[in-house]
Amino acid sequence: MHDRLHSEGKRNEIEVVLRESGGGAVLVGPWMLSLSLALPRDHAWSVQGSLHSYRQLGRLFAETLRAGGVGAHALCPEKMNDAQIALRDRGLPPLAWACFGDLSPWEVVNAEGRKLVGLAQRRRSTGTLLVAGLLVERPPWSMLCALLDHPDRLADILRQRTTDCARELRNTPTPLSVWVQMLHAALTDALTRNPCVASTEA
């Protein structure tokens, strides 16, 4: 599968990279703000397990988006099922082959349950890598469907299951550089307030 995608991507001048954190396919481009955060294994965000790590990062993104005028919240596990049912009732089944075609706990959505931020992580004995992708503008979903050999009608489902900052701000988008600055400031503050457990206990 990866070899086929690599060949297809090369033919279309698209770089294909295997997601070692797992999860569905992600179409990366100027429409997305990507974040990778490496934490030592004894960091407060890491020691309580993967769900806690997702909770911390998802809430940080949601708070930052709200500060920038985007109505968003991190989807807690207790509300996952209701969110999926609401989307299905609108004729929008989950598309597990695409990261933004499905929902996971603590990912960030708008009031309609449309996904704004996808999360992933990889854990090793040395620490945890948290990864997030924020949709700043609408991605070309038809391109992703074509690359993965899915019918183009599924691109419409992806469009309706997701949203982006530009859409939420009535097409008066905040520049990408501003989101970068806001997230950097929020992360710096959060990580300062949540140091490594070992240093806290020393």
Protein backbone atom coordinates (compact mmCIF):
# COMPACT_ATOMS: atom_id res chain seq x y z
CA MET A 1 0.00 0.00 0.00
CA HIS A 2 2.73 2.45 1.01
CA ASP A 3 4.78 1.55 -2.09
CA ARG A 4 1.76 2.19 -4.34
CA LEU A 5 1.08 5.52 -2.65
CA HIS A 6 4.74 6.47 -2.90
CA SER A 7 4.71 5.78 -6.65
CA GLU A 8 1.43 7.63 -7.14
CA GLY A 9 2.62 10.55 -5.05
CA LYS A 10 5.88 10.78 -6.97
CA ARG A 11 3.97 10.81 -10.24
CA ASN A 12 1.86 13.71 -8.95
CA GLU A 13 4.83 15.48 -7.29
CA ILE A 14 3.43 14.76 -3.82
CA GLU A 15 5.76 13.50 -1.09
CA VAL A 16 4.34 10.46 0.73
CA VAL A 17 5.54 9.89 4.30
CA LEU A 18 4.55 6.98 6.55
CA ARG A 19 2.87 8.14 9.78
CA GLU A 20 4.70 6.20 12.46
CA SER A 21 2.16 7.46 15.01
CA GLY A 22 -0.55 5.59 13.09
CA GLY A 23 -3.98 6.90 12.16
CA GLY A 24 -5.58 7.86 8.88
CA ALA A 25 -4.02 9.72 5.98
CA VAL A 26 -3.29 13.44 6.35
CA LEU A 27 -2.98 15.82 3.41
CA VAL A 28 -0.36 18.34 4.52
CA GLY A 29 0.03 21.70 2.83
CA PRO A 30 -0.24 25.47 3.31
CA TRP A 31 -3.79 24.98 4.58
CA MET A 32 -2.52 23.27 7.74
CA LEU A 33 -0.53 24.30 10.78
CA SER A 34 1.40 21.25 11.98
CA LEU A 35 2.90 20.88 15.44
CA SER A 36 5.26 18.26 16.85
CA LEU A 37 6.05 18.31 20.57
CA ALA A 38 8.67 16.01 22.09
CA LEU A 39 8.28 15.44 25.82
CA PRO A 40 10.58 13.55 28.21
CA ARG A 41 9.00 10.47 29.73
CA ASP A 42 8.72 12.11 33.16
CA HIS A 43 6.87 15.21 31.96
CA ALA A 44 3.52 15.91 33.63
CA TRP A 45 1.72 15.70 30.28
CA SER A 46 3.20 12.28 29.57
CA VAL A 47 3.27 10.24 32.78
CA GLN A 48 -0.51 9.78 33.13
CA GLY A 49 -0.99 7.98 29.83
CA SER A 50 -1.92 8.71 26.24
CA LEU A 51 -5.46 9.96 26.90
CA HIS A 52 -4.19 12.53 29.39
CA SER A 53 -1.61 13.73 26.85
CA TYR A 54 -4.34 14.17 24.24
CA ARG A 55 -6.50 16.02 26.77
CA GLN A 56 -3.79 18.56 27.57
CA LEU A 57 -2.91 19.28 23.95
CA GLY A 58 -6.51 19.30 22.72
CA ARG A 59 -7.59 21.74 25.41
CA LEU A 60 -4.64 24.00 24.70
CA PHE A 61 -5.56 24.17 21.02
CA ALA A 62 -9.23 24.81 21.83
CA GLU A 63 -8.40 27.62 24.26
CA THR A 64 -6.03 29.22 21.75
CA LEU A 65 -8.60 29.03 18.97
CA ARG A 66 -11.26 30.61 21.16
CA ALA A 67 -8.84 33.40 22.03
CA GLY A 68 -8.51 33.98 18.28
CA GLY A 69 -12.26 34.16 17.76
CA VAL A 70 -12.90 30.57 16.63
CA GLY A 71 -15.63 28.74 18.52
CA ALA A 72 -14.00 25.41 19.36
CA HIS A 73 -13.83 22.79 22.09
CA ALA A 74 -11.90 19.60 22.78
CA LEU A 75 -14.15 16.56 22.45
CA CYS A 76 -14.17 14.65 25.74
CA PRO A 77 -14.53 10.82 25.57
CA GLU A 78 -18.00 10.91 27.17
CA LYS A 79 -19.35 12.94 24.24
CA MET A 80 -17.63 10.99 21.47
CA ASN A 81 -20.56 8.68 20.72
CA ASP A 82 -23.11 11.50 20.61
CA ALA A 83 -20.90 13.47 18.24
CA GLN A 84 -20.53 10.52 15.87
CA ILE A 85 -24.28 9.82 15.93
CA ALA A 86 -25.06 13.47 15.15
CA LEU A 87 -22.76 13.37 12.13
CA ARG A 88 -24.20 10.06 10.91
CA ASP A 89 -27.72 11.45 11.22
CA ARG A 90 -26.66 14.18 8.79
CA GLY A 91 -25.51 11.53 6.31
CA LEU A 92 -21.85 11.90 7.23
CA PRO A 93 -20.41 8.49 8.21
CA PRO A 94 -16.86 8.30 9.56
CA LEU A 95 -14.09 7.76 7.03
CA ALA A 96 -11.42 5.96 9.05
CA TRP A 97 -8.89 6.01 6.20
CA ALA A 98 -8.55 9.80 6.62
CA CYS A 99 -7.42 11.44 9.84
CA PHE A 100 -9.95 14.24 9.39
CA GLY A 101 -12.67 11.80 8.37
CA ASP A 102 -13.13 10.47 11.90
CA LEU A 103 -13.07 11.67 15.50
CA SER A 104 -10.93 10.65 18.46
CA PRO A 105 -11.04 11.76 22.12
CA TRP A 106 -9.87 15.31 22.82
CA GLU A 107 -9.61 16.31 19.18
CA VAL A 108 -10.92 19.82 18.53
CA VAL A 109 -14.27 20.48 16.87
CA ASN A 110 -16.69 23.36 16.40
CA ALA A 111 -20.22 23.54 17.84
CA GLU A 112 -21.52 21.27 15.03
CA GLY A 113 -18.89 18.62 15.71
CA ARG A 114 -16.88 19.46 12.59
CA LYS A 115 -13.21 18.68 13.10
CA LEU A 116 -10.61 21.45 13.28
CA VAL A 117 -7.62 19.76 14.89
CA GLY A 118 -6.38 16.18 14.56
CA LEU A 119 -4.08 14.62 17.16
CA ALA A 120 -1.64 11.71 17.23
CA GLN A 121 1.21 10.52 19.39
CA ARG A 122 4.00 8.00 19.60
CA ARG A 123 5.41 6.70 22.87
CA ARG A 124 8.86 5.29 23.49
CA SER A 125 10.85 4.49 26.62
CA THR A 126 12.67 7.80 26.20
CA GLY A 127 9.57 9.99 25.91
CA THR A 128 6.45 10.95 24.01
CA LEU A 129 5.99 12.67 20.67
CA LEU A 130 2.70 14.57 20.38
CA VAL A 131 1.57 15.65 16.93
CA ALA A 132 -1.27 17.98 15.94
CA GLY A 133 -2.65 19.41 12.72
CA LEU A 134 -4.87 22.53 12.63
CA LEU A 135 -6.89 23.30 9.51
CA VAL A 136 -6.26 26.99 8.87
CA GLU A 137 -7.98 26.86 5.47
CA ARG A 138 -9.96 24.18 3.62
CA PRO A 139 -7.74 21.43 2.17
CA PRO A 140 -8.26 20.10 -1.37
CA TRP A 141 -10.05 16.95 -0.23
CA SER A 142 -10.55 15.76 -3.82
CA MET A 143 -6.77 15.48 -4.12
CA LEU A 144 -6.60 13.17 -1.09
CA CYS A 145 -9.43 10.99 -2.43
CA ALA A 146 -7.75 10.72 -5.82
CA LEU A 147 -4.38 9.82 -4.31
CA LEU A 148 -5.95 7.06 -2.18
CA ASP A 149 -8.17 5.85 -5.03
CA HIS A 150 -11.44 6.74 -3.30
CA PRO A 151 -14.46 8.14 -5.19
CA ASP A 152 -14.64 11.91 -5.34
CA ARG A 153 -18.05 11.91 -3.63
CA LEU A 154 -16.23 11.13 -0.38
CA ALA A 155 -14.47 14.50 -0.67
CA ASP A 156 -17.84 16.13 0.02
CA ILE A 157 -18.19 14.07 3.22
CA LEU A 158 -14.73 15.23 4.29
CA ARG A 159 -15.71 18.83 3.57
CA GLN A 160 -18.84 18.51 5.70
CA ARG A 161 -17.20 16.61 8.56
CA THR A 162 -14.50 19.27 8.91
CA THR A 163 -14.14 23.00 9.19
CA ASP A 164 -11.25 25.45 9.20
CA CYS A 165 -10.26 28.72 10.80
CA ALA A 166 -11.00 30.79 7.71
CA ARG A 167 -14.53 29.41 7.49
CA GLU A 168 -15.17 29.88 11.20
CA LEU A 169 -13.97 33.48 10.95
CA ARG A 170 -16.33 34.21 8.03
CA ASN A 171 -13.55 34.05 5.45
CA THR A 172 -11.48 36.77 7.10
CA PRO A 173 -8.67 34.43 8.10
CA THR A 174 -6.08 35.12 10.74
CA PRO A 175 -2.60 34.91 9.14
CA LEU A 176 -0.81 31.63 9.76
CA SER A 177 2.03 33.50 11.47
CA VAL A 178 -0.40 34.83 14.08
CA TRP A 179 -1.67 31.33 14.92
CA VAL A 180 1.95 30.17 15.21
CA GLN A 181 2.72 32.98 17.65
CA MET A 182 -0.41 32.33 19.71
CA LEU A 183 0.21 28.59 19.95
CA HIS A 184 3.89 29.09 20.76
CA ALA A 185 2.99 31.45 23.60
CA ALA A 186 0.29 29.09 24.92
CA LEU A 187 2.63 26.08 24.77
CA THR A 188 5.48 27.94 26.44
CA ASP A 189 3.19 28.98 29.28
CA ALA A 190 1.62 25.52 29.67
CA LEU A 191 4.92 23.64 29.63
CA THR A 192 6.44 26.06 32.13
CA ARG A 193 3.53 25.46 34.49
CA ASN A 194 3.74 21.67 33.99
CA PRO A 195 7.40 20.68 34.37
CA CYS A 196 8.83 17.22 34.62
CA VAL A 197 7.52 15.21 37.55
CA ALA A 198 11.05 14.46 38.71
CA SER A 199 11.96 18.14 38.95
CA THR A 200 8.70 18.87 40.77
CA GLU A 201 9.37 16.20 43.38
CA ALA A 202 13.05 17.02 43.85
